[in-house]
Amino acid sequence: MVSWSFVLFGVSFVLSSVVRATGAVIPPLVILIISLWIFRIPFAYALMPVLGANSLWWSFPVGSGMSMLMSITYYRFGNWRSARML
């Protein structure tokens, strides 16, 4: 269940690394915070009565998938190309 979510997280990690290398470090950080606190943790809590402990394991692919989608969106449409390093 969790193993294949590392592929989703890997895509997010690579795209975030490319963006961070240009000097835009805050948006990838915000994306990871959102995927953890807005998607992964609430998903686990919301489905705990239905899935039990498995809701924790299913929350990993959900959080990784949302992180990947947000990273792809920011990579494609964000203004990270105009960021400058200090």
Protein backbone atom coordinates (compact mmCIF):
# COMPACT_ATOMS: atom_id res chain seq x y z
CA MET A 1 0.00 0.00 0.00
CA VAL A 2 2.69 2.46 0.98
CA SER A 3 5.49 1.22 -1.28
CA TRP A 4 4.10 2.52 -4.54
CA SER A 5 3.45 5.93 -2.97
CA PHE A 6 7.23 6.45 -2.98
CA VAL A 7 7.01 6.75 -6.78
CA LEU A 8 4.55 9.63 -6.35
CA PHE A 9 6.73 11.20 -3.67
CA GLY A 10 9.80 10.74 -5.91
CA VAL A 11 8.22 12.78 -8.70
CA SER A 12 7.36 15.49 -6.19
CA PHE A 13 10.87 15.38 -4.73
CA VAL A 14 12.59 15.72 -8.12
CA LEU A 15 10.40 18.62 -9.25
CA SER A 16 10.77 20.38 -5.89
CA SER A 17 14.54 19.95 -6.07
CA VAL A 18 14.66 21.55 -9.50
CA VAL A 19 12.58 24.47 -8.27
CA ARG A 20 14.66 24.86 -5.09
CA ALA A 21 17.88 24.86 -7.11
CA THR A 22 16.77 28.10 -8.77
CA GLY A 23 16.32 29.80 -5.40
CA ALA A 24 12.56 29.42 -4.96
CA VAL A 25 12.55 27.49 -1.69
CA ILE A 26 9.34 28.61 -0.01
CA PRO A 27 6.74 27.19 -2.47
CA PRO A 28 8.06 23.59 -2.25
CA LEU A 29 8.06 23.90 1.54
CA VAL A 30 4.47 25.13 1.51
CA ILE A 31 3.47 22.29 -0.82
CA LEU A 32 4.90 19.69 1.58
CA ILE A 33 3.22 21.34 4.58
CA ILE A 34 -0.13 21.41 2.78
CA SER A 35 0.16 17.78 1.67
CA LEU A 36 0.90 16.72 5.25
CA TRP A 37 -1.44 18.91 7.33
CA ILE A 38 -4.32 19.41 4.88
CA PHE A 39 -4.46 16.01 3.17
CA ARG A 40 -2.50 13.22 4.87
CA ILE A 41 -3.33 13.74 8.54
CA PRO A 42 -7.03 14.68 8.09
CA PHE A 43 -7.49 11.74 5.70
CA ALA A 44 -6.11 9.35 8.32
CA TYR A 45 -8.29 10.82 11.08
CA ALA A 46 -11.43 10.95 8.94
CA LEU A 47 -11.24 7.33 7.80
CA MET A 48 -10.06 5.89 11.12
CA PRO A 49 -13.61 4.76 12.07
CA VAL A 50 -14.07 3.06 8.69
CA LEU A 51 -10.64 1.60 7.92
CA GLY A 52 -9.11 1.42 11.37
CA ALA A 53 -5.32 1.41 11.39
CA ASN A 54 -5.27 0.98 7.62
CA SER A 55 -6.37 4.61 7.27
CA LEU A 56 -2.86 5.59 8.35
CA TRP A 57 -1.31 3.52 5.58
CA TRP A 58 -3.77 4.78 2.96
CA SER A 59 -3.01 8.37 3.95
CA PHE A 60 0.54 8.07 2.61
CA PRO A 61 -0.46 7.60 -1.06
CA VAL A 62 -3.09 10.32 -0.70
CA GLY A 63 -0.59 12.82 0.70
CA SER A 64 2.10 11.84 -1.81
CA GLY A 65 -0.34 12.07 -4.70
CA MET A 66 -1.50 15.53 -3.67
CA SER A 67 2.10 16.65 -3.20
CA MET A 68 2.92 15.37 -6.68
CA LEU A 69 -0.05 17.17 -8.25
CA MET A 70 0.78 20.45 -6.53
CA SER A 71 4.48 20.13 -7.47
CA ILE A 72 3.64 19.44 -11.12
CA THR A 73 1.26 22.40 -11.15
CA TYR A 74 3.83 24.75 -9.61
CA TYR A 75 6.58 23.45 -11.89
CA ARG A 76 4.41 24.02 -14.95
CA PHE A 77 2.66 27.28 -14.08
CA GLY A 78 4.61 28.83 -11.18
CA ASN A 79 6.95 31.79 -11.41
CA TRP A 80 9.97 29.86 -10.10
CA ARG A 81 11.92 30.54 -13.31
CA SER A 82 12.16 34.20 -12.35
CA ALA A 83 13.42 33.49 -8.81
CA ARG A 84 16.92 34.68 -7.97
CA MET A 85 19.30 33.39 -5.35
CA LEU A 86 20.52 35.86 -2.74
